[in-house]
C-alpha atoms as a PDB file:
ATOM      1  CA  UNK A   1    -106.795   4.595 -50.811  1.00  0.00           C
ATOM      2  CA  UNK A   2    -103.787   3.747 -48.597  1.00  0.00           C
ATOM      3  CA  UNK A   3    -104.466   0.007 -48.296  1.00  0.00           C
ATOM      4  CA  UNK A   4    -104.957   0.398 -52.522  1.00  0.00           C
ATOM      5  CA  UNK A   5    -101.726   1.938 -52.480  1.00  0.00           C
ATOM      6  CA  UNK A   6     -99.733  -0.704 -50.289  1.00  0.00           C
ATOM      7  CA  UNK A   7    -101.244  -3.178 -52.289  1.00  0.00           C
ATOM      8  CA  UNK A   8    -100.291  -1.954 -55.703  1.00  0.00           C
ATOM      9  CA  UNK A   9     -96.222  -1.293 -54.322  1.00  0.00           C
ATOM     10  CA  UNK A  10     -96.245  -4.770 -53.692  1.00  0.00           C
ATOM     11  CA  UNK A  11     -97.360  -5.888 -56.331  1.00  0.00           C
ATOM     12  CA  UNK A  12     -94.869  -3.095 -58.560  1.00  0.00           C
ATOM     13  CA  UNK A  13     -92.392  -4.382 -56.308  1.00  0.00           C
ATOM     14  CA  UNK A  14     -92.669  -8.267 -57.271  1.00  0.00           C
ATOM     15  CA  UNK A  15     -93.219  -7.406 -60.782  1.00  0.00           C
ATOM     16  CA  UNK A  16     -90.048  -5.587 -60.694  1.00  0.00           C
ATOM     17  CA  UNK A  17     -87.883  -8.057 -59.294  1.00  0.00           C
ATOM     18  CA  UNK A  18     -89.474 -11.145 -60.234  1.00  0.00           C
ATOM     19  CA  UNK A  19     -89.862 -12.629 -56.829  1.00  0.00           C
ATOM     20  CA  UNK A  20     -93.475 -13.346 -55.159  1.00  0.00           C
ATOM     21  CA  UNK A  21     -92.155 -14.000 -51.725  1.00  0.00           C
ATOM     22  CA  UNK A  22     -90.224 -10.480 -50.637  1.00  0.00           C
ATOM     23  CA  UNK A  23     -91.792 -10.768 -46.926  1.00  0.00           C
ATOM     24  CA  UNK A  24     -93.558 -12.984 -44.605  1.00  0.00           C
ATOM     25  CA  UNK A  25     -96.116 -11.345 -45.117  1.00  0.00           C
ATOM     26  CA  UNK A  26     -96.141 -12.614 -48.866  1.00  0.00           C
ATOM     27  CA  UNK A  27     -96.434 -16.332 -47.737  1.00  0.00           C
ATOM     28  CA  UNK A  28     -94.906 -17.199 -44.012  1.00  0.00           C
ATOM     29  CA  UNK A  29     -95.248 -20.747 -44.905  1.00  0.00           C
ATOM     30  CA  UNK A  30     -93.996 -20.778 -48.355  1.00  0.00           C
ATOM     31  CA  UNK A  31     -91.190 -18.803 -47.821  1.00  0.00           C
ATOM     32  CA  UNK A  32     -89.945 -20.908 -45.057  1.00  0.00           C
ATOM     33  CA  UNK A  33     -89.620 -23.898 -47.522  1.00  0.00           C
ATOM     34  CA  UNK A  34     -88.207 -21.363 -49.727  1.00  0.00           C
ATOM     35  CA  UNK A  35     -85.557 -20.839 -46.977  1.00  0.00           C
ATOM     36  CA  UNK A  36     -85.119 -24.269 -46.193  1.00  0.00           C
ATOM     37  CA  UNK A  37     -84.103 -25.665 -49.911  1.00  0.00           C
ATOM     38  CA  UNK A  38     -82.302 -22.690 -50.196  1.00  0.00           C
ATOM     39  CA  UNK A  39     -80.019 -24.204 -47.163  1.00  0.00           C
ATOM     40  CA  UNK A  40     -80.279 -27.610 -49.224  1.00  0.00           C
ATOM     41  CA  UNK A  41     -79.354 -26.617 -52.423  1.00  0.00           C
ATOM     42  CA  UNK A  42     -76.463 -24.270 -50.789  1.00  0.00           C
ATOM     43  CA  UNK A  43     -75.266 -27.536 -49.082  1.00  0.00           C
ATOM     44  CA  UNK A  44     -75.334 -30.068 -51.921  1.00  0.00           C
ATOM     45  CA  UNK A  45     -73.245 -27.573 -54.304  1.00  0.00           C
ATOM     46  CA  UNK A  46     -70.868 -27.096 -51.025  1.00  0.00           C
ATOM     47  CA  UNK A  47     -70.891 -30.992 -50.571  1.00  0.00           C
ATOM     48  CA  UNK A  48     -70.260 -31.107 -54.290  1.00  0.00           C
ATOM     49  CA  UNK A  49     -67.570 -28.957 -54.315  1.00  0.00           C
ATOM     50  CA  UNK A  50     -65.444 -31.021 -51.062  1.00  0.00           C
ATOM     51  CA  UNK A  51     -65.897 -34.192 -53.006  1.00  0.00           C
ATOM     52  CA  UNK A  52     -65.009 -32.580 -56.394  1.00  0.00           C
ATOM     53  CA  UNK A  53     -61.563 -31.850 -54.571  1.00  0.00           C
ATOM     54  CA  UNK A  54     -61.703 -35.345 -53.016  1.00  0.00           C
ATOM     55  CA  UNK A  55     -61.325 -36.916 -56.492  1.00  0.00           C
ATOM     56  CA  UNK A  56     -58.411 -34.230 -56.876  1.00  0.00           C
ATOM     57  CA  UNK A  57     -56.512 -35.702 -53.691  1.00  0.00           C
ATOM     58  CA  UNK A  58     -57.188 -39.508 -55.037  1.00  0.00           C
ATOM     59  CA  UNK A  59     -56.002 -38.781 -58.576  1.00  0.00           C
ATOM     60  CA  UNK A  60     -52.586 -37.392 -56.957  1.00  0.00           C
ATOM     61  CA  UNK A  61     -52.535 -40.127 -54.369  1.00  0.00           C
ATOM     62  CA  UNK A  62     -53.375 -42.428 -57.262  1.00  0.00           C
ATOM     63  CA  UNK A  63     -50.775 -41.433 -59.855  1.00  0.00           C
ATOM     64  CA  UNK A  64     -48.052 -41.469 -57.354  1.00  0.00           C
ATOM     65  CA  UNK A  65     -48.628 -45.001 -56.517  1.00  0.00           C
ATOM     66  CA  UNK A  66     -49.062 -45.824 -59.847  1.00  0.00           C
ATOM     67  CA  UNK A  67     -45.044 -44.614 -60.597  1.00  0.00           C
ATOM     68  CA  UNK A  68     -44.206 -46.192 -56.875  1.00  0.00           C
ATOM     69  CA  UNK A  69     -45.456 -49.252 -58.319  1.00  0.00           C
ATOM     70  CA  UNK A  70     -43.485 -49.027 -61.459  1.00  0.00           C
ATOM     71  CA  UNK A  71     -40.296 -48.759 -59.418  1.00  0.00           C
ATOM     72  CA  UNK A  72     -40.737 -51.434 -57.606  1.00  0.00           C
ATOM     73  CA  UNK A  73     -41.567 -53.334 -60.823  1.00  0.00           C
ATOM     74  CA  UNK A  74     -37.868 -52.457 -61.740  1.00  0.00           C
ATOM     75  CA  UNK A  75     -36.477 -53.087 -58.556  1.00  0.00           C
ATOM     76  CA  UNK A  76     -37.865 -56.510 -58.809  1.00  0.00           C
ATOM     77  CA  UNK A  77     -36.507 -57.096 -61.913  1.00  0.00           C
ATOM     78  CA  UNK A  78     -33.368 -56.314 -60.655  1.00  0.00           C
ATOM     79  CA  UNK A  79     -33.801 -58.561 -57.780  1.00  0.00           C
ATOM     80  CA  UNK A  80     -34.371 -61.359 -60.271  1.00  0.00           C
ATOM     81  CA  UNK A  81     -31.252 -60.714 -61.795  1.00  0.00           C
ATOM     82  CA  UNK A  82     -29.192 -60.633 -59.144  1.00  0.00           C
ATOM     83  CA  UNK A  83     -30.465 -63.614 -58.532  1.00  0.00           C
ATOM     84  CA  UNK A  84     -28.451 -65.166 -61.312  1.00  0.00           C
ATOM     85  CA  UNK A  85     -25.341 -67.675 -59.605  1.00  0.00           C
ATOM     86  CA  UNK A  86     -23.174 -67.096 -62.233  1.00  0.00           C
ATOM     87  CA  UNK A  87     -23.195 -63.259 -61.328  1.00  0.00           C
ATOM     88  CA  UNK A  88     -20.167 -61.584 -59.301  1.00  0.00           C
ATOM     89  CA  UNK A  89     -20.009 -59.622 -56.637  1.00  0.00           C
ATOM     90  CA  UNK A  90     -19.274 -56.441 -58.694  1.00  0.00           C
ATOM     91  CA  UNK A  91     -22.266 -57.459 -60.735  1.00  0.00           C
ATOM     92  CA  UNK A  92     -24.649 -57.647 -57.864  1.00  0.00           C
ATOM     93  CA  UNK A  93     -23.183 -54.231 -56.598  1.00  0.00           C
ATOM     94  CA  UNK A  94     -23.726 -52.420 -59.979  1.00  0.00           C
ATOM     95  CA  UNK A  95     -27.200 -53.537 -59.671  1.00  0.00           C
ATOM     96  CA  UNK A  96     -27.468 -52.795 -55.942  1.00  0.00           C
ATOM     97  CA  UNK A  97     -26.722 -49.353 -57.256  1.00  0.00           C
ATOM     98  CA  UNK A  98     -29.546 -49.083 -59.300  1.00  0.00           C
ATOM     99  CA  UNK A  99     -31.717 -50.503 -56.642  1.00  0.00           C
ATOM    100  CA  UNK A 100     -30.749 -47.872 -54.299  1.00  0.00           C
ATOM    101  CA  UNK A 101     -31.480 -44.832 -56.765  1.00  0.00           C
ATOM    102  CA  UNK A 102     -35.092 -46.598 -57.051  1.00  0.00           C
ATOM    103  CA  UNK A 103     -35.538 -46.555 -53.467  1.00  0.00           C
ATOM    104  CA  UNK A 104     -34.675 -43.147 -53.311  1.00  0.00           C
ATOM    105  CA  UNK A 105     -36.880 -42.008 -56.098  1.00  0.00           C
ATOM    106  CA  UNK A 106     -39.986 -44.198 -53.996  1.00  0.00           C
ATOM    107  CA  UNK A 107     -38.976 -41.973 -50.690  1.00  0.00           C
ATOM    108  CA  UNK A 108     -38.838 -38.731 -52.605  1.00  0.00           C
ATOM    109  CA  UNK A 109     -42.505 -39.821 -54.224  1.00  0.00           C
ATOM    110  CA  UNK A 110     -43.847 -41.134 -50.812  1.00  0.00           C
ATOM    111  CA  UNK A 111     -42.278 -38.016 -48.713  1.00  0.00           C
ATOM    112  CA  UNK A 112     -43.272 -35.389 -51.129  1.00  0.00           C
ATOM    113  CA  UNK A 113     -46.415 -35.871 -52.631  1.00  0.00           C
ATOM    114  CA  UNK A 114     -49.144 -33.983 -51.134  1.00  0.00           C
ATOM    115  CA  UNK A 115     -52.727 -32.472 -51.566  1.00  0.00           C
ATOM    116  CA  UNK A 116     -52.904 -28.486 -50.695  1.00  0.00           C
ATOM    117  CA  UNK A 117     -49.913 -29.220 -48.383  1.00  0.00           C
ATOM    118  CA  UNK A 118     -51.062 -31.973 -46.735  1.00  0.00           C
ATOM    119  CA  UNK A 119     -48.739 -35.341 -47.195  1.00  0.00           C
ATOM    120  CA  UNK A 120     -50.567 -38.277 -48.581  1.00  0.00           C
ATOM    121  CA  UNK A 121     -48.582 -41.231 -48.586  1.00  0.00           C
ATOM    122  CA  UNK A 122     -46.064 -40.535 -45.669  1.00  0.00           C
ATOM    123  CA  UNK A 123     -48.422 -42.191 -43.145  1.00  0.00           C
ATOM    124  CA  UNK A 124     -48.325 -38.593 -41.341  1.00  0.00           C
ATOM    125  CA  UNK A 125     -51.947 -37.753 -42.865  1.00  0.00           C
ATOM    126  CA  UNK A 126     -54.321 -40.887 -43.816  1.00  0.00           C
ATOM    127  CA  UNK A 127     -57.664 -39.969 -42.957  1.00  0.00           C
ATOM    128  CA  UNK A 128     -59.157 -36.898 -45.078  1.00  0.00           C
ATOM    129  CA  UNK A 129     -62.832 -35.932 -44.040  1.00  0.00           C
ATOM    130  CA  UNK A 130     -65.112 -33.767 -45.971  1.00  0.00           C
ATOM    131  CA  UNK A 131     -68.684 -32.773 -45.266  1.00  0.00           C
ATOM    132  CA  UNK A 132     -70.857 -34.077 -48.315  1.00  0.00           C
ATOM    133  CA  UNK A 133     -74.411 -32.237 -47.565  1.00  0.00           C
ATOM    134  CA  UNK A 134     -75.946 -29.417 -45.896  1.00  0.00           C
ATOM    135  CA  UNK A 135     -77.298 -32.172 -42.809  1.00  0.00           C
ATOM    136  CA  UNK A 136     -73.792 -32.452 -41.921  1.00  0.00           C
ATOM    137  CA  UNK A 137     -73.256 -36.001 -43.327  1.00  0.00           C
ATOM    138  CA  UNK A 138     -69.101 -37.042 -44.287  1.00  0.00           C
ATOM    139  CA  UNK A 139     -66.935 -39.363 -45.886  1.00  0.00           C
ATOM    140  CA  UNK A 140     -63.345 -39.934 -45.666  1.00  0.00           C
ATOM    141  CA  UNK A 141     -60.615 -40.330 -47.852  1.00  0.00           C
ATOM    142  CA  UNK A 142     -58.397 -43.022 -46.209  1.00  0.00           C
ATOM    143  CA  UNK A 143     -54.314 -43.438 -47.595  1.00  0.00           C
ATOM    144  CA  UNK A 144     -51.626 -45.463 -46.541  1.00  0.00           C
ATOM    145  CA  UNK A 145     -47.949 -44.887 -46.078  1.00  0.00           C
ATOM    146  CA  UNK A 146     -45.840 -45.674 -49.168  1.00  0.00           C
ATOM    147  CA  UNK A 147     -42.360 -45.094 -47.486  1.00  0.00           C
ATOM    148  CA  UNK A 148     -39.940 -47.867 -47.578  1.00  0.00           C
ATOM    149  CA  UNK A 149     -39.765 -48.625 -44.266  1.00  0.00           C
ATOM    150  CA  UNK A 150     -43.606 -49.288 -43.964  1.00  0.00           C
ATOM    151  CA  UNK A 151     -43.477 -51.407 -47.156  1.00  0.00           C
ATOM    152  CA  UNK A 152     -40.198 -53.439 -45.297  1.00  0.00           C
ATOM    153  CA  UNK A 153     -37.911 -52.474 -48.416  1.00  0.00           C
ATOM    154  CA  UNK A 154     -35.732 -49.939 -46.213  1.00  0.00           C
ATOM    155  CA  UNK A 155     -32.931 -52.503 -46.142  1.00  0.00           C
ATOM    156  CA  UNK A 156     -33.338 -54.416 -49.029  1.00  0.00           C
ATOM    157  CA  UNK A 157     -29.579 -55.438 -50.423  1.00  0.00           C
ATOM    158  CA  UNK A 158     -28.900 -57.563 -53.189  1.00  0.00           C
ATOM    159  CA  UNK A 159     -25.351 -57.741 -52.607  1.00  0.00           C
ATOM    160  CA  UNK A 160     -26.171 -60.339 -49.738  1.00  0.00           C
ATOM    161  CA  UNK A 161     -29.107 -62.899 -48.575  1.00  0.00           C
ATOM    162  CA  UNK A 162     -32.353 -61.324 -49.915  1.00  0.00           C
ATOM    163  CA  UNK A 163     -35.932 -62.167 -50.245  1.00  0.00           C
ATOM    164  CA  UNK A 164     -37.639 -60.851 -53.276  1.00  0.00           C
ATOM    165  CA  UNK A 165     -41.085 -61.850 -51.495  1.00  0.00           C
ATOM    166  CA  UNK A 166     -40.491 -58.596 -49.633  1.00  0.00           C
ATOM    167  CA  UNK A 167     -41.146 -56.440 -53.006  1.00  0.00           C
ATOM    168  CA  UNK A 168     -43.765 -58.449 -53.816  1.00  0.00           C
ATOM    169  CA  UNK A 169     -45.469 -57.759 -50.598  1.00  0.00           C
ATOM    170  CA  UNK A 170     -44.762 -54.095 -50.991  1.00  0.00           C
ATOM    171  CA  UNK A 171     -46.567 -54.216 -55.006  1.00  0.00           C
ATOM    172  CA  UNK A 172     -49.636 -56.095 -53.204  1.00  0.00           C
ATOM    173  CA  UNK A 173     -49.463 -53.005 -50.572  1.00  0.00           C
ATOM    174  CA  UNK A 174     -49.491 -50.779 -53.255  1.00  0.00           C
ATOM    175  CA  UNK A 175     -52.016 -52.229 -55.421  1.00  0.00           C
ATOM    176  CA  UNK A 176     -54.367 -52.668 -52.831  1.00  0.00           C
ATOM    177  CA  UNK A 177     -54.163 -49.092 -51.522  1.00  0.00           C
ATOM    178  CA  UNK A 178     -54.747 -47.698 -55.439  1.00  0.00           C
ATOM    179  CA  UNK A 179     -57.973 -50.144 -55.409  1.00  0.00           C
ATOM    180  CA  UNK A 180     -59.284 -48.748 -52.455  1.00  0.00           C
ATOM    181  CA  UNK A 181     -58.493 -44.725 -53.791  1.00  0.00           C
ATOM    182  CA  UNK A 182     -59.745 -46.420 -56.847  1.00  0.00           C
ATOM    183  CA  UNK A 183     -63.405 -47.342 -55.155  1.00  0.00           C
ATOM    184  CA  UNK A 184     -63.469 -44.358 -53.183  1.00  0.00           C
ATOM    185  CA  UNK A 185     -62.730 -42.142 -56.498  1.00  0.00           C
ATOM    186  CA  UNK A 186     -66.124 -43.884 -57.878  1.00  0.00           C
ATOM    187  CA  UNK A 187     -68.064 -43.142 -54.968  1.00  0.00           C
ATOM    188  CA  UNK A 188     -67.137 -39.473 -54.686  1.00  0.00           C
ATOM    189  CA  UNK A 189     -67.896 -39.259 -58.458  1.00  0.00           C
ATOM    190  CA  UNK A 190     -71.300 -40.679 -57.682  1.00  0.00           C
ATOM    191  CA  UNK A 191     -71.965 -38.416 -54.962  1.00  0.00           C
ATOM    192  CA  UNK A 192     -70.989 -35.420 -56.597  1.00  0.00           C
ATOM    193  CA  UNK A 193     -73.143 -35.812 -59.483  1.00  0.00           C
ATOM    194  CA  UNK A 194     -76.398 -36.818 -57.353  1.00  0.00           C
ATOM    195  CA  UNK A 195     -75.465 -33.378 -55.469  1.00  0.00           C
ATOM    196  CA  UNK A 196     -75.993 -31.531 -58.175  1.00  0.00           C
ATOM    197  CA  UNK A 197     -78.846 -33.392 -59.191  1.00  0.00           C
ATOM    198  CA  UNK A 198     -80.459 -32.692 -56.188  1.00  0.00           C
ATOM    199  CA  UNK A 199     -79.488 -29.114 -55.937  1.00  0.00           C
ATOM    200  CA  UNK A 200     -80.928 -28.865 -59.021  1.00  0.00           C
ATOM    201  CA  UNK A 201     -84.332 -30.253 -58.122  1.00  0.00           C
ATOM    202  CA  UNK A 202     -83.902 -27.983 -54.444  1.00  0.00           C
ATOM    203  CA  UNK A 203     -83.484 -24.856 -56.357  1.00  0.00           C
ATOM    204  CA  UNK A 204     -86.477 -25.522 -58.656  1.00  0.00           C
ATOM    205  CA  UNK A 205     -88.384 -26.309 -55.565  1.00  0.00           C
ATOM    206  CA  UNK A 206     -87.201 -23.160 -54.216  1.00  0.00           C
ATOM    207  CA  UNK A 207     -88.145 -21.078 -57.796  1.00  0.00           C
ATOM    208  CA  UNK A 208     -91.658 -22.644 -57.974  1.00  0.00           C
ATOM    209  CA  UNK A 209     -92.901 -21.093 -54.496  1.00  0.00           C
ATOM    210  CA  UNK A 210     -90.529 -17.646 -55.012  1.00  0.00           C
ATOM    211  CA  UNK A 211     -90.813 -17.070 -58.676  1.00  0.00           C
ATOM    212  CA  UNK A 212     -93.397 -15.209 -59.882  1.00  0.00           C
ATOM    213  CA  UNK A 213     -96.068 -15.463 -63.070  1.00  0.00           C
ATOM    214  CA  UNK A 214     -95.134 -12.186 -64.533  1.00  0.00           C
ATOM    215  CA  UNK A 215     -97.051 -12.023 -67.399  1.00  0.00           C
ATOM    216  CA  UNK A 216    -100.281 -13.204 -65.154  1.00  0.00           C
ATOM    217  CA  UNK A 217     -98.974 -10.527 -62.622  1.00  0.00           C
ATOM    218  CA  UNK A 218     -99.209  -7.558 -64.766  1.00  0.00           C
ATOM    219  CA  UNK A 219    -102.760  -8.670 -65.948  1.00  0.00           C
ATOM    220  CA  UNK A 220    -103.654  -9.054 -62.496  1.00  0.00           C
ATOM    221  CA  UNK A 221    -102.590  -5.559 -61.598  1.00  0.00           C
ATOM    222  CA  UNK A 222    -104.068  -3.821 -64.976  1.00  0.00           C
ATOM    223  CA  UNK A 223    -107.714  -5.447 -63.753  1.00  0.00           C
ATOM    224  CA  UNK A 224    -106.866  -4.328 -60.267  1.00  0.00           C
ATOM    225  CA  UNK A 225    -105.664  -0.656 -61.643  1.00  0.00           C
ATOM    226  CA  UNK A 226    -108.813  -0.740 -64.090  1.00  0.00           C
ATOM    227  CA  UNK A 227    -111.387  -1.677 -60.844  1.00  0.00           C
ATOM    228  CA  UNK A 228    -109.724   1.181 -59.193  1.00  0.00           C
ATOM    229  CA  UNK A 229    -110.223   3.427 -62.020  1.00  0.00           C
ATOM    230  CA  UNK A 230    -113.645   2.765 -61.912  1.00  0.00           C
ATOM    231  CA  UNK A 231    -114.326   2.628 -58.008  1.00  0.00           C
ATOM    232  CA  UNK A 232    -112.693   6.532 -58.420  1.00  0.00           C
ATOM    233  CA  UNK A 233    -115.258   7.369 -60.891  1.00  0.00           C
ATOM    234  CA  UNK A 234    -118.335   5.644 -58.929  1.00  0.00           C
ATOM    235  CA  UNK A 235    -117.238   7.635 -55.802  1.00  0.00           C
ATOM    236  CA  UNK A 236    -116.860  10.664 -57.950  1.00  0.00           C
ATOM    237  CA  UNK A 237    -120.211  10.323 -59.475  1.00  0.00           C
ATOM    238  CA  UNK A 238    -121.638   9.614 -56.222  1.00  0.00           C
ATOM    239  CA  UNK A 239    -120.244  12.823 -54.177  1.00  0.00           C
ATOM    240  CA  UNK A 240    -121.691  14.590 -57.400  1.00  0.00           C
ATOM    241  CA  UNK A 241    -125.175  12.857 -56.895  1.00  0.00           C
ATOM    242  CA  UNK A 242    -124.916  13.607 -53.481  1.00  0.00           C
ATOM    243  CA  UNK A 243    -124.189  17.267 -53.572  1.00  0.00           C
ATOM    244  CA  UNK A 244    -126.624  17.790 -56.635  1.00  0.00           C
ATOM    245  CA  UNK A 245    -129.573  16.243 -54.228  1.00  0.00           C
ATOM    246  CA  UNK A 246    -128.534  18.610 -51.283  1.00  0.00           C
ATOM    247  CA  UNK A 247    -128.165  21.505 -53.568  1.00  0.00           C
ATOM    248  CA  UNK A 248    -131.969  20.897 -55.200  1.00  0.00           C
ATOM    249  CA  UNK A 249    -133.384  20.246 -50.912  1.00  0.00           C
ATOM    250  CA  UNK A 250    -131.755  23.661 -50.662  1.00  0.00           C
ATOM    251  CA  UNK A 251    -133.035  25.330 -53.128  1.00  0.00           C
ATOM    252  CA  UNK A 252    -136.995  24.096 -52.672  1.00  0.00           C
END
């Protein structure tokens, strides 16, 4: 009776929770596989979250570089204007005033653009590594400095001799950085989608191992209870028959 009671208690617990694998005794190998699938799913979900943060970082950096690129385009227009031989020194000085404002704006963007307090475009942080799954695989987002000194424009001045190709080189540097960031963003988004799909598959695999077929379990439990009742009735009848036989022998 104690074994029957223990089995019934375990089955009732499984039915109540909907979980078949509650202890290793319910299936040691299956439980080990289920726990591994749980680890995989958790790691994939965390990896997806890391990559989503990477996409956010990339978008911030790309937006800032876009503004810097627009500023450089305006600086180039002013430099072309300053190349006009009909302008006076005073005209060029006025143009330089606007260029200086643009340069200050670029400096502000490059030095203040950050994600979670980490500067992105001043050269202090250039590689941002993040885990992408439960196995320790990772990817890295790389950014480039957009400071004037690193783009060769810190001393750009149209009131004297100047080389407009320096602005072109700076624009090329910014556009190259944006292209690299865009490619990385696409890769991260692909990784996010893959992780979520793989996580769902791992979770489904775990559920197939762990989850209980409740209707089937209830039917089986009722069947066991009916058989137990029948068994007890037969045992009771057997005892009664034995007692009756013993009395007949005693009285004969």
